[in-house]
Amino acid sequence: MKKVELQDAKPYAPPKHFNMTALRLHGKEETGTQQFWMGLSHFLPNGGAEMDATPAEKLYFVLEGEVTVSTPDKQTYVLKAWDSLYVGPNEARAIINNTNKPASMLVIITYK
């Protein structure tokens, strides 16, 4: 077992993200997890991620606030506190915080 305290989490800059801060909580380097990693994303108002897809599976779990996830075909999912969303391999998505409050989201991503 390995405990991670928030104060010890290291920030990282995910590609194609803006007006946000991301912290890596668990992963190969942080705690030795081999199948997935977990991060904590804090999105400022109008913060988000550009439309993109990766081969990894993703789980988004909103802890606080609200984010909107959209697909290339204009489908949208509004996630509020305690809502979650599965994003499959190679599914494109964009994320935006359309509110005037910060939003916090756990992100769990499989290693390819």
PDB file of N, CA and C in Angstrom:
ATOM      1  N   MET A   1       0.839  -1.181   0.000  1.00  0.00           N
ATOM      2  CA  MET A   1       0.000   0.000   0.000  1.00  0.00           C
ATOM      3  C   MET A   1       0.883   1.242   0.000  1.00  0.00           C
ATOM      4  N   LYS A   2       0.354   2.290  -0.602  1.00  0.00           N
ATOM      5  CA  LYS A   2       1.069   3.557  -0.595  1.00  0.00           C
ATOM      6  C   LYS A   2       0.068   4.697  -0.534  1.00  0.00           C
ATOM      7  N   LYS A   3       0.159   5.484   0.522  1.00  0.00           N
ATOM      8  CA  LYS A   3      -0.718   6.636   0.706  1.00  0.00           C
ATOM      9  C   LYS A   3      -0.143   7.834  -0.044  1.00  0.00           C
ATOM     10  N   VAL A   4      -1.019   8.593  -0.675  1.00  0.00           N
ATOM     11  CA  VAL A   4      -0.618   9.837  -1.326  1.00  0.00           C
ATOM     12  C   VAL A   4      -1.396  10.971  -0.669  1.00  0.00           C
ATOM     13  N   GLU A   5      -0.676  11.926  -0.111  1.00  0.00           N
ATOM     14  CA  GLU A   5      -1.327  13.107   0.445  1.00  0.00           C
ATOM     15  C   GLU A   5      -1.352  14.188  -0.620  1.00  0.00           C
ATOM     16  N   LEU A   6      -2.450  14.912  -0.667  1.00  0.00           N
ATOM     17  CA  LEU A   6      -2.615  15.938  -1.700  1.00  0.00           C
ATOM     18  C   LEU A   6      -1.436  16.897  -1.735  1.00  0.00           C
ATOM     19  N   GLN A   7      -0.905  17.247  -0.583  1.00  0.00           N
ATOM     20  CA  GLN A   7       0.218  18.187  -0.530  1.00  0.00           C
ATOM     21  C   GLN A   7       1.457  17.658  -1.251  1.00  0.00           C
ATOM     22  N   ASP A   8       1.554  16.350  -1.443  1.00  0.00           N
ATOM     23  CA  ASP A   8       2.713  15.753  -2.094  1.00  0.00           C
ATOM     24  C   ASP A   8       2.501  15.469  -3.577  1.00  0.00           C
ATOM     25  N   ALA A   9       1.282  15.644  -4.071  1.00  0.00           N
ATOM     26  CA  ALA A   9       0.984  15.376  -5.485  1.00  0.00           C
ATOM     27  C   ALA A   9       1.705  16.385  -6.370  1.00  0.00           C
ATOM     28  N   LYS A  10       2.241  15.881  -7.461  1.00  0.00           N
ATOM     29  CA  LYS A  10       3.009  16.727  -8.386  1.00  0.00           C
ATOM     30  C   LYS A  10       2.143  17.183  -9.556  1.00  0.00           C
ATOM     31  N   PRO A  11       2.194  18.481  -9.867  1.00  0.00           N
ATOM     32  CA  PRO A  11       1.436  18.966 -11.030  1.00  0.00           C
ATOM     33  C   PRO A  11       2.073  18.501 -12.339  1.00  0.00           C
ATOM     34  N   TYR A  12       1.254  18.395 -13.360  1.00  0.00           N
ATOM     35  CA  TYR A  12       1.744  18.091 -14.702  1.00  0.00           C
ATOM     36  C   TYR A  12       0.891  18.869 -15.696  1.00  0.00           C
ATOM     37  N   ALA A  13       1.389  19.017 -16.899  1.00  0.00           N
ATOM     38  CA  ALA A  13       0.697  19.797 -17.932  1.00  0.00           C
ATOM     39  C   ALA A  13       0.188  18.850 -19.024  1.00  0.00           C
ATOM     40  N   PRO A  14      -1.090  18.453 -18.944  1.00  0.00           N
ATOM     41  CA  PRO A  14      -1.607  17.582 -19.996  1.00  0.00           C
ATOM     42  C   PRO A  14      -1.707  18.330 -21.319  1.00  0.00           C
ATOM     43  N   PRO A  15      -1.378  17.659 -22.420  1.00  0.00           N
ATOM     44  CA  PRO A  15      -1.464  18.317 -23.722  1.00  0.00           C
ATOM     45  C   PRO A  15      -2.888  18.749 -24.049  1.00  0.00           C
ATOM     46  N   LYS A  16      -3.005  19.862 -24.730  1.00  0.00           N
ATOM     47  CA  LYS A  16      -4.273  20.389 -25.249  1.00  0.00           C
ATOM     48  C   LYS A  16      -5.272  20.772 -24.157  1.00  0.00           C
ATOM     49  N   HIS A  17      -4.804  20.995 -22.926  1.00  0.00           N
ATOM     50  CA  HIS A  17      -5.643  21.473 -21.827  1.00  0.00           C
ATOM     51  C   HIS A  17      -5.322  22.948 -21.582  1.00  0.00           C
ATOM     52  N   PHE A  18      -6.290  23.690 -21.035  1.00  0.00           N
ATOM     53  CA  PHE A  18      -6.087  25.123 -20.821  1.00  0.00           C
ATOM     54  C   PHE A  18      -6.864  25.587 -19.590  1.00  0.00           C
ATOM     55  N   ASN A  19      -6.365  26.638 -18.960  1.00  0.00           N
ATOM     56  CA  ASN A  19      -6.997  27.231 -17.769  1.00  0.00           C
ATOM     57  C   ASN A  19      -7.357  26.173 -16.726  1.00  0.00           C
ATOM     58  N   MET A  20      -6.376  25.334 -16.425  1.00  0.00           N
ATOM     59  CA  MET A  20      -6.602  24.271 -15.447  1.00  0.00           C
ATOM     60  C   MET A  20      -5.281  23.866 -14.824  1.00  0.00           C
ATOM     61  N   THR A  21      -5.379  23.142 -13.715  1.00  0.00           N
ATOM     62  CA  THR A  21      -4.219  22.556 -13.065  1.00  0.00           C
ATOM     63  C   THR A  21      -4.494  21.072 -12.890  1.00  0.00           C
ATOM     64  N   ALA A  22      -3.506  20.250 -13.195  1.00  0.00           N
ATOM     65  CA  ALA A  22      -3.646  18.805 -13.060  1.00  0.00           C
ATOM     66  C   ALA A  22      -2.582  18.292 -12.091  1.00  0.00           C
ATOM     67  N   LEU A  23      -2.990  17.384 -11.218  1.00  0.00           N
ATOM     68  CA  LEU A  23      -2.094  16.759 -10.255  1.00  0.00           C
ATOM     69  C   LEU A  23      -2.122  15.253 -10.463  1.00  0.00           C
ATOM     70  N   ARG A  24      -0.951  14.636 -10.524  1.00  0.00           N
ATOM     71  CA  ARG A  24      -0.872  13.178 -10.656  1.00  0.00           C
ATOM     72  C   ARG A  24      -0.920  12.589  -9.250  1.00  0.00           C
ATOM     73  N   LEU A  25      -1.902  11.742  -8.975  1.00  0.00           N
ATOM     74  CA  LEU A  25      -2.052  11.126  -7.658  1.00  0.00           C
ATOM     75  C   LEU A  25      -1.452   9.724  -7.605  1.00  0.00           C
ATOM     76  N   HIS A  26      -1.777   8.897  -8.598  1.00  0.00           N
ATOM     77  CA  HIS A  26      -1.294   7.522  -8.639  1.00  0.00           C
ATOM     78  C   HIS A  26      -0.840   7.196 -10.055  1.00  0.00           C
ATOM     79  N   GLY A  27       0.204   6.424 -10.158  1.00  0.00           N
ATOM     80  CA  GLY A  27       0.729   5.982 -11.435  1.00  0.00           C
ATOM     81  C   GLY A  27       1.961   5.137 -11.197  1.00  0.00           C
ATOM     82  N   LYS A  28       2.605   4.698 -12.264  1.00  0.00           N
ATOM     83  CA  LYS A  28       3.793   3.850 -12.136  1.00  0.00           C
ATOM     84  C   LYS A  28       4.868   4.516 -11.283  1.00  0.00           C
ATOM     85  N   GLU A  29       5.123   5.789 -11.545  1.00  0.00           N
ATOM     86  CA  GLU A  29       6.169   6.494 -10.804  1.00  0.00           C
ATOM     87  C   GLU A  29       5.734   6.867  -9.388  1.00  0.00           C
ATOM     88  N   GLU A  30       4.469   7.216  -9.205  1.00  0.00           N
ATOM     89  CA  GLU A  30       4.001   7.710  -7.908  1.00  0.00           C
ATOM     90  C   GLU A  30       3.785   6.582  -6.895  1.00  0.00           C
ATOM     91  N   THR A  31       3.076   5.543  -7.319  1.00  0.00           N
ATOM     92  CA  THR A  31       2.725   4.483  -6.360  1.00  0.00           C
ATOM     93  C   THR A  31       2.921   3.077  -6.908  1.00  0.00           C
ATOM     94  N   GLY A  32       3.373   2.964  -8.147  1.00  0.00           N
ATOM     95  CA  GLY A  32       3.627   1.650  -8.717  1.00  0.00           C
ATOM     96  C   GLY A  32       2.442   0.996  -9.397  1.00  0.00           C
ATOM     97  N   THR A  33       1.322   1.693  -9.535  1.00  0.00           N
ATOM     98  CA  THR A  33       0.173   1.093 -10.221  1.00  0.00           C
ATOM     99  C   THR A  33       0.578   0.754 -11.656  1.00  0.00           C
ATOM    100  N   GLN A  34       0.165  -0.397 -12.130  1.00  0.00           N
ATOM    101  CA  GLN A  34       0.600  -0.889 -13.430  1.00  0.00           C
ATOM    102  C   GLN A  34      -0.467  -0.841 -14.512  1.00  0.00           C
ATOM    103  N   GLN A  35      -1.745  -0.814 -14.146  1.00  0.00           N
ATOM    104  CA  GLN A  35      -2.816  -0.904 -15.129  1.00  0.00           C
ATOM    105  C   GLN A  35      -3.442   0.440 -15.477  1.00  0.00           C
ATOM    106  N   PHE A  36      -3.309   1.421 -14.574  1.00  0.00           N
ATOM    107  CA  PHE A  36      -3.963   2.709 -14.762  1.00  0.00           C
ATOM    108  C   PHE A  36      -3.217   3.765 -13.967  1.00  0.00           C
ATOM    109  N   TRP A  37      -3.558   5.017 -14.224  1.00  0.00           N
ATOM    110  CA  TRP A  37      -3.084   6.113 -13.369  1.00  0.00           C
ATOM    111  C   TRP A  37      -4.273   6.997 -13.042  1.00  0.00           C
ATOM    112  N   MET A  38      -4.133   7.801 -11.989  1.00  0.00           N
ATOM    113  CA  MET A  38      -5.236   8.654 -11.552  1.00  0.00           C
ATOM    114  C   MET A  38      -4.717  10.052 -11.290  1.00  0.00           C
ATOM    115  N   GLY A  39      -5.460  11.034 -11.788  1.00  0.00           N
ATOM    116  CA  GLY A  39      -5.111  12.424 -11.573  1.00  0.00           C
ATOM    117  C   GLY A  39      -6.300  13.205 -11.054  1.00  0.00           C
ATOM    118  N   LEU A  40      -6.007  14.391 -10.586  1.00  0.00           N
ATOM    119  CA  LEU A  40      -7.022  15.325 -10.106  1.00  0.00           C
ATOM    120  C   LEU A  40      -6.892  16.585 -10.943  1.00  0.00           C
ATOM    121  N   SER A  41      -7.955  16.939 -11.644  1.00  0.00           N
ATOM    122  CA  SER A  41      -7.956  18.118 -12.508  1.00  0.00           C
ATOM    123  C   SER A  41      -8.836  19.200 -11.908  1.00  0.00           C
ATOM    124  N   HIS A  42      -8.284  20.409 -11.824  1.00  0.00           N
ATOM    125  CA  HIS A  42      -9.041  21.575 -11.361  1.00  0.00           C
ATOM    126  C   HIS A  42      -9.205  22.514 -12.554  1.00  0.00           C
ATOM    127  N   PHE A  43     -10.446  22.697 -13.013  1.00  0.00           N
ATOM    128  CA  PHE A  43     -10.741  23.546 -14.162  1.00  0.00           C
ATOM    129  C   PHE A  43     -11.274  24.894 -13.688  1.00  0.00           C
ATOM    130  N   LEU A  44     -10.645  25.966 -14.092  1.00  0.00           N
ATOM    131  CA  LEU A  44     -11.160  27.303 -13.833  1.00  0.00           C
ATOM    132  C   LEU A  44     -12.360  27.563 -14.743  1.00  0.00           C
ATOM    133  N   PRO A  45     -13.146  28.605 -14.472  1.00  0.00           N
ATOM    134  CA  PRO A  45     -14.202  28.963 -15.420  1.00  0.00           C
ATOM    135  C   PRO A  45     -13.608  29.129 -16.829  1.00  0.00           C
ATOM    136  N   ASN A  46     -14.270  28.556 -17.799  1.00  0.00           N
ATOM    137  CA  ASN A  46     -13.830  28.539 -19.206  1.00  0.00           C
ATOM    138  C   ASN A  46     -12.582  27.713 -19.432  1.00  0.00           C
ATOM    139  N   GLY A  47     -12.170  26.928 -18.443  1.00  0.00           N
ATOM    140  CA  GLY A  47     -11.048  26.010 -18.617  1.00  0.00           C
ATOM    141  C   GLY A  47     -11.528  24.697 -19.194  1.00  0.00           C
ATOM    142  N   GLY A  48     -10.613  23.962 -19.808  1.00  0.00           N
ATOM    143  CA  GLY A  48     -11.025  22.684 -20.372  1.00  0.00           C
ATOM    144  C   GLY A  48      -9.927  21.993 -21.139  1.00  0.00           C
ATOM    145  N   ALA A  49     -10.355  21.181 -22.094  1.00  0.00           N
ATOM    146  CA  ALA A  49      -9.450  20.429 -22.954  1.00  0.00           C
ATOM    147  C   ALA A  49     -10.011  20.444 -24.372  1.00  0.00           C
ATOM    148  N   GLU A  50      -9.119  20.585 -25.338  1.00  0.00           N
ATOM    149  CA  GLU A  50      -9.516  20.588 -26.743  1.00  0.00           C
ATOM    150  C   GLU A  50     -10.000  19.200 -27.161  1.00  0.00           C
ATOM    151  N   MET A  51     -10.728  19.154 -28.267  1.00  0.00           N
ATOM    152  CA  MET A  51     -11.187  17.882 -28.819  1.00  0.00           C
ATOM    153  C   MET A  51      -9.958  17.019 -29.126  1.00  0.00           C
ATOM    154  N   ASP A  52      -9.968  15.798 -28.595  1.00  0.00           N
ATOM    155  CA  ASP A  52      -8.837  14.895 -28.797  1.00  0.00           C
ATOM    156  C   ASP A  52      -9.277  13.481 -28.447  1.00  0.00           C
ATOM    157  N   ALA A  53      -8.528  12.503 -28.923  1.00  0.00           N
ATOM    158  CA  ALA A  53      -8.788  11.102 -28.617  1.00  0.00           C
ATOM    159  C   ALA A  53      -7.456  10.409 -28.367  1.00  0.00           C
ATOM    160  N   THR A  54      -7.477   9.412 -27.499  1.00  0.00           N
ATOM    161  CA  THR A  54      -6.291   8.596 -27.240  1.00  0.00           C
ATOM    162  C   THR A  54      -6.716   7.131 -27.219  1.00  0.00           C
ATOM    163  N   PRO A  55      -5.782   6.205 -27.328  1.00  0.00           N
ATOM    164  CA  PRO A  55      -6.145   4.780 -27.293  1.00  0.00           C
ATOM    165  C   PRO A  55      -6.506   4.274 -25.891  1.00  0.00           C
ATOM    166  N   ALA A  56      -6.335   5.099 -24.876  1.00  0.00           N
ATOM    167  CA  ALA A  56      -6.603   4.673 -23.503  1.00  0.00           C
ATOM    168  C   ALA A  56      -8.070   4.850 -23.134  1.00  0.00           C
ATOM    169  N   GLU A  57      -8.567   3.984 -22.223  1.00  0.00           N
ATOM    170  CA  GLU A  57      -9.888   4.181 -21.630  1.00  0.00           C
ATOM    171  C   GLU A  57      -9.765   5.232 -20.534  1.00  0.00           C
ATOM    172  N   LYS A  58     -10.837   6.018 -20.346  1.00  0.00           N
ATOM    173  CA  LYS A  58     -10.833   7.080 -19.336  1.00  0.00           C
ATOM    174  C   LYS A  58     -12.116   7.039 -18.527  1.00  0.00           C
ATOM    175  N   LEU A  59     -11.988   7.365 -17.253  1.00  0.00           N
ATOM    176  CA  LEU A  59     -13.134   7.593 -16.389  1.00  0.00           C
ATOM    177  C   LEU A  59     -13.011   8.987 -15.821  1.00  0.00           C
ATOM    178  N   TYR A  60     -14.076   9.757 -15.914  1.00  0.00           N
ATOM    179  CA  TYR A  60     -14.135  11.093 -15.311  1.00  0.00           C
ATOM    180  C   TYR A  60     -15.152  11.040 -14.172  1.00  0.00           C
ATOM    181  N   PHE A  61     -14.764  11.556 -13.017  1.00  0.00           N
ATOM    182  CA  PHE A  61     -15.656  11.608 -11.859  1.00  0.00           C
ATOM    183  C   PHE A  61     -15.578  13.019 -11.291  1.00  0.00           C
ATOM    184  N   VAL A  62     -16.671  13.771 -11.411  1.00  0.00           N
ATOM    185  CA  VAL A  62     -16.676  15.164 -10.948  1.00  0.00           C
ATOM    186  C   VAL A  62     -16.888  15.188  -9.437  1.00  0.00           C
ATOM    187  N   LEU A  63     -15.963  15.816  -8.749  1.00  0.00           N
ATOM    188  CA  LEU A  63     -16.036  15.951  -7.294  1.00  0.00           C
ATOM    189  C   LEU A  63     -16.796  17.196  -6.881  1.00  0.00           C
ATOM    190  N   GLU A  64     -16.579  18.262  -7.649  1.00  0.00           N
ATOM    191  CA  GLU A  64     -17.149  19.560  -7.300  1.00  0.00           C
ATOM    192  C   GLU A  64     -17.325  20.370  -8.573  1.00  0.00           C
ATOM    193  N   GLY A  65     -18.376  21.170  -8.631  1.00  0.00           N
ATOM    194  CA  GLY A  65     -18.605  22.027  -9.790  1.00  0.00           C
ATOM    195  C   GLY A  65     -19.292  21.281 -10.916  1.00  0.00           C
ATOM    196  N   GLU A  66     -19.020  21.736 -12.143  1.00  0.00           N
ATOM    197  CA  GLU A  66     -19.707  21.197 -13.320  1.00  0.00           C
ATOM    198  C   GLU A  66     -18.807  21.330 -14.539  1.00  0.00           C
ATOM    199  N   VAL A  67     -18.742  20.279 -15.349  1.00  0.00           N
ATOM    200  CA  VAL A  67     -18.032  20.332 -16.625  1.00  0.00           C
ATOM    201  C   VAL A  67     -18.941  19.757 -17.709  1.00  0.00           C
ATOM    202  N   THR A  68     -18.722  20.217 -18.921  1.00  0.00           N
ATOM    203  CA  THR A  68     -19.454  19.698 -20.072  1.00  0.00           C
ATOM    204  C   THR A  68     -18.466  18.983 -20.974  1.00  0.00           C
ATOM    205  N   VAL A  69     -18.786  17.742 -21.297  1.00  0.00           N
ATOM    206  CA  VAL A  69     -17.965  16.934 -22.201  1.00  0.00           C
ATOM    207  C   VAL A  69     -18.744  16.808 -23.501  1.00  0.00           C
ATOM    208  N   SER A  70     -18.085  17.119 -24.616  1.00  0.00           N
ATOM    209  CA  SER A  70     -18.763  17.045 -25.912  1.00  0.00           C
ATOM    210  C   SER A  70     -17.997  16.133 -26.860  1.00  0.00           C
ATOM    211  N   THR A  71     -18.716  15.625 -27.850  1.00  0.00           N
ATOM    212  CA  THR A  71     -18.157  14.715 -28.845  1.00  0.00           C
ATOM    213  C   THR A  71     -18.122  15.420 -30.203  1.00  0.00           C
ATOM    214  N   PRO A  72     -17.411  14.859 -31.169  1.00  0.00           N
ATOM    215  CA  PRO A  72     -17.365  15.483 -32.494  1.00  0.00           C
ATOM    216  C   PRO A  72     -18.728  15.603 -33.165  1.00  0.00           C
ATOM    217  N   ASP A  73     -19.662  14.707 -32.824  1.00  0.00           N
ATOM    218  CA  ASP A  73     -20.993  14.779 -33.436  1.00  0.00           C
ATOM    219  C   ASP A  73     -21.966  15.641 -32.624  1.00  0.00           C
ATOM    220  N   LYS A  74     -21.409  16.497 -31.752  1.00  0.00           N
ATOM    221  CA  LYS A  74     -22.164  17.508 -30.990  1.00  0.00           C
ATOM    222  C   LYS A  74     -23.008  16.934 -29.841  1.00  0.00           C
ATOM    223  N   GLN A  75     -22.759  15.691 -29.467  1.00  0.00           N
ATOM    224  CA  GLN A  75     -23.421  15.153 -28.276  1.00  0.00           C
ATOM    225  C   GLN A  75     -22.740  15.753 -27.050  1.00  0.00           C
ATOM    226  N   THR A  76     -23.512  16.115 -26.025  1.00  0.00           N
ATOM    227  CA  THR A  76     -22.926  16.713 -24.828  1.00  0.00           C
ATOM    228  C   THR A  76     -23.391  15.970 -23.581  1.00  0.00           C
ATOM    229  N   TYR A  77     -22.490  15.953 -22.604  1.00  0.00           N
ATOM    230  CA  TYR A  77     -22.766  15.368 -21.288  1.00  0.00           C
ATOM    231  C   TYR A  77     -22.391  16.413 -20.250  1.00  0.00           C
ATOM    232  N   VAL A  78     -23.361  16.871 -19.481  1.00  0.00           N
ATOM    233  CA  VAL A  78     -23.097  17.815 -18.405  1.00  0.00           C
ATOM    234  C   VAL A  78     -22.907  16.995 -17.134  1.00  0.00           C
ATOM    235  N   LEU A  79     -21.718  17.072 -16.571  1.00  0.00           N
ATOM    236  CA  LEU A  79     -21.381  16.312 -15.374  1.00  0.00           C
ATOM    237  C   LEU A  79     -21.329  17.247 -14.182  1.00  0.00           C
ATOM    238  N   LYS A  80     -22.115  16.931 -13.168  1.00  0.00           N
ATOM    239  CA  LYS A  80     -22.130  17.697 -11.921  1.00  0.00           C
ATOM    240  C   LYS A  80     -21.502  16.834 -10.832  1.00  0.00           C
ATOM    241  N   ALA A  81     -21.382  17.384  -9.640  1.00  0.00           N
ATOM    242  CA  ALA A  81     -20.763  16.656  -8.536  1.00  0.00           C
ATOM    243  C   ALA A  81     -21.376  15.263  -8.388  1.00  0.00           C
ATOM    244  N   TRP A  82     -20.491  14.272  -8.299  1.00  0.00           N
ATOM    245  CA  TRP A  82     -20.808  12.859  -8.127  1.00  0.00           C
ATOM    246  C   TRP A  82     -21.244  12.172  -9.411  1.00  0.00           C
ATOM    247  N   ASP A  83     -21.276  12.879 -10.559  1.00  0.00           N
ATOM    248  CA  ASP A  83     -21.541  12.246 -11.848  1.00  0.00           C
ATOM    249  C   ASP A  83     -20.228  11.714 -12.402  1.00  0.00           C
ATOM    250  N   SER A  84     -20.324  10.655 -13.206  1.00  0.00           N
ATOM    251  CA  SER A  84     -19.133  10.097 -13.838  1.00  0.00           C
ATOM    252  C   SER A  84     -19.430   9.756 -15.291  1.00  0.00           C
ATOM    253  N   LEU A  85     -18.359   9.605 -16.061  1.00  0.00           N
ATOM    254  CA  LEU A  85     -18.484   9.337 -17.494  1.00  0.00           C
ATOM    255  C   LEU A  85     -17.356   8.417 -17.927  1.00  0.00           C
ATOM    256  N   TYR A  86     -17.692   7.403 -18.702  1.00  0.00           N
ATOM    257  CA  TYR A  86     -16.704   6.514 -19.312  1.00  0.00           C
ATOM    258  C   TYR A  86     -16.432   7.012 -20.727  1.00  0.00           C
ATOM    259  N   VAL A  87     -15.161   7.123 -21.089  1.00  0.00           N
ATOM    260  CA  VAL A  87     -14.747   7.486 -22.445  1.00  0.00           C
ATOM    261  C   VAL A  87     -13.920   6.319 -22.965  1.00  0.00           C
ATOM    262  N   GLY A  88     -14.401   5.671 -24.013  1.00  0.00           N
ATOM    263  CA  GLY A  88     -13.741   4.483 -24.542  1.00  0.00           C
ATOM    264  C   GLY A  88     -12.490   4.805 -25.346  1.00  0.00           C
ATOM    265  N   PRO A  89     -11.719   3.773 -25.666  1.00  0.00           N
ATOM    266  CA  PRO A  89     -10.512   3.961 -26.471  1.00  0.00           C
ATOM    267  C   PRO A  89     -10.839   4.653 -27.796  1.00  0.00           C
ATOM    268  N   ASN A  90     -10.038   5.619 -28.148  1.00  0.00           N
ATOM    269  CA  ASN A  90     -10.140   6.362 -29.416  1.00  0.00           C
ATOM    270  C   ASN A  90     -11.437   7.155 -29.569  1.00  0.00           C
ATOM    271  N   GLU A  91     -12.193   7.354 -28.494  1.00  0.00           N
ATOM    272  CA  GLU A  91     -13.360   8.232 -28.533  1.00  0.00           C
ATOM    273  C   GLU A  91     -12.887   9.670 -28.321  1.00  0.00           C
ATOM    274  N   ALA A  92     -13.202  10.527 -29.270  1.00  0.00           N
ATOM    275  CA  ALA A  92     -12.812  11.932 -29.143  1.00  0.00           C
ATOM    276  C   ALA A  92     -13.777  12.647 -28.208  1.00  0.00           C
ATOM    277  N   ARG A  93     -13.208  13.597 -27.452  1.00  0.00           N
ATOM    278  CA  ARG A  93     -14.015  14.381 -26.532  1.00  0.00           C
ATOM    279  C   ARG A  93     -13.332  15.729 -26.305  1.00  0.00           C
ATOM    280  N   ALA A  94     -14.147  16.713 -25.944  1.00  0.00           N
ATOM    281  CA  ALA A  94     -13.653  18.013 -25.482  1.00  0.00           C
ATOM    282  C   ALA A  94     -14.293  18.253 -24.127  1.00  0.00           C
ATOM    283  N   ILE A  95     -13.612  19.029 -23.290  1.00  0.00           N
ATOM    284  CA  ILE A  95     -14.115  19.341 -21.950  1.00  0.00           C
ATOM    285  C   ILE A  95     -14.118  20.852 -21.788  1.00  0.00           C
ATOM    286  N   ILE A  96     -15.171  21.390 -21.169  1.00  0.00           N
ATOM    287  CA  ILE A  96     -15.213  22.826 -20.864  1.00  0.00           C
ATOM    288  C   ILE A  96     -15.986  23.041 -19.558  1.00  0.00           C
ATOM    289  N   ASN A  97     -15.493  23.960 -18.765  1.00  0.00           N
ATOM    290  CA  ASN A  97     -16.225  24.411 -17.584  1.00  0.00           C
ATOM    291  C   ASN A  97     -16.953  25.681 -18.002  1.00  0.00           C
ATOM    292  N   ASN A  98     -18.240  25.573 -18.249  1.00  0.00           N
ATOM    293  CA  ASN A  98     -19.052  26.703 -18.712  1.00  0.00           C
ATOM    294  C   ASN A  98     -19.611  27.543 -17.566  1.00  0.00           C
ATOM    295  N   THR A  99     -19.176  27.302 -16.343  1.00  0.00           N
ATOM    296  CA  THR A  99     -19.716  28.030 -15.201  1.00  0.00           C
ATOM    297  C   THR A  99     -18.727  29.090 -14.716  1.00  0.00           C
ATOM    298  N   ASN A 100     -19.145  29.856 -13.749  1.00  0.00           N
ATOM    299  CA  ASN A 100     -18.270  30.861 -13.141  1.00  0.00           C
ATOM    300  C   ASN A 100     -17.645  30.364 -11.844  1.00  0.00           C
ATOM    301  N   LYS A 101     -17.701  29.051 -11.614  1.00  0.00           N
ATOM    302  CA  LYS A 101     -17.092  28.442 -10.435  1.00  0.00           C
ATOM    303  C   LYS A 101     -16.058  27.411 -10.879  1.00  0.00           C
ATOM    304  N   PRO A 102     -15.008  27.194 -10.097  1.00  0.00           N
ATOM    305  CA  PRO A 102     -14.055  26.129 -10.427  1.00  0.00           C
ATOM    306  C   PRO A 102     -14.731  24.758 -10.347  1.00  0.00           C
ATOM    307  N   ALA A 103     -14.187  23.801 -11.083  1.00  0.00           N
ATOM    308  CA  ALA A 103     -14.664  22.422 -11.058  1.00  0.00           C
ATOM    309  C   ALA A 103     -13.472  21.500 -10.810  1.00  0.00           C
ATOM    310  N   SER A 104     -13.695  20.448 -10.035  1.00  0.00           N
ATOM    311  CA  SER A 104     -12.640  19.464  -9.748  1.00  0.00           C
ATOM    312  C   SER A 104     -13.119  18.090 -10.193  1.00  0.00           C
ATOM    313  N   MET A 105     -12.222  17.353 -10.854  1.00  0.00           N
ATOM    314  CA  MET A 105     -12.598  16.074 -11.433  1.00  0.00           C
ATOM    315  C   MET A 105     -11.467  15.063 -11.263  1.00  0.00           C
ATOM    316  N   LEU A 106     -11.805  13.866 -10.788  1.00  0.00           N
ATOM    317  CA  LEU A 106     -10.855  12.764 -10.801  1.00  0.00           C
ATOM    318  C   LEU A 106     -10.821  12.194 -12.206  1.00  0.00           C
ATOM    319  N   VAL A 107      -9.625  11.854 -12.665  1.00  0.00           N
ATOM    320  CA  VAL A 107      -9.450  11.284 -13.993  1.00  0.00           C
ATOM    321  C   VAL A 107      -8.658   9.989 -13.824  1.00  0.00           C
ATOM    322  N   ILE A 108      -9.227   8.890 -14.294  1.00  0.00           N
ATOM    323  CA  ILE A 108      -8.551   7.608 -14.240  1.00  0.00           C
ATOM    324  C   ILE A 108      -8.356   7.145 -15.678  1.00  0.00           C
ATOM    325  N   ILE A 109      -7.097   6.831 -16.019  1.00  0.00           N
ATOM    326  CA  ILE A 109      -6.764   6.483 -17.402  1.00  0.00           C
ATOM    327  C   ILE A 109      -5.938   5.204 -17.412  1.00  0.00           C
ATOM    328  N   THR A 110      -6.306   4.265 -18.298  1.00  0.00           N
ATOM    329  CA  THR A 110      -5.536   3.038 -18.410  1.00  0.00           C
ATOM    330  C   THR A 110      -4.226   3.299 -19.146  1.00  0.00           C
ATOM    331  N   TYR A 111      -3.210   2.529 -18.796  1.00  0.00           N
ATOM    332  CA  TYR A 111      -2.000   2.542 -19.606  1.00  0.00           C
ATOM    333  C   TYR A 111      -2.307   1.750 -20.856  1.00  0.00           C
ATOM    334  N   LYS A 112      -1.796   2.173 -22.002  1.00  0.00           N
ATOM    335  CA  LYS A 112      -2.123   1.537 -23.295  1.00  0.00           C
ATOM    336  C   LYS A 112      -1.702   0.097 -23.345  1.00  0.00           C
TER     337      LYS A 112
END
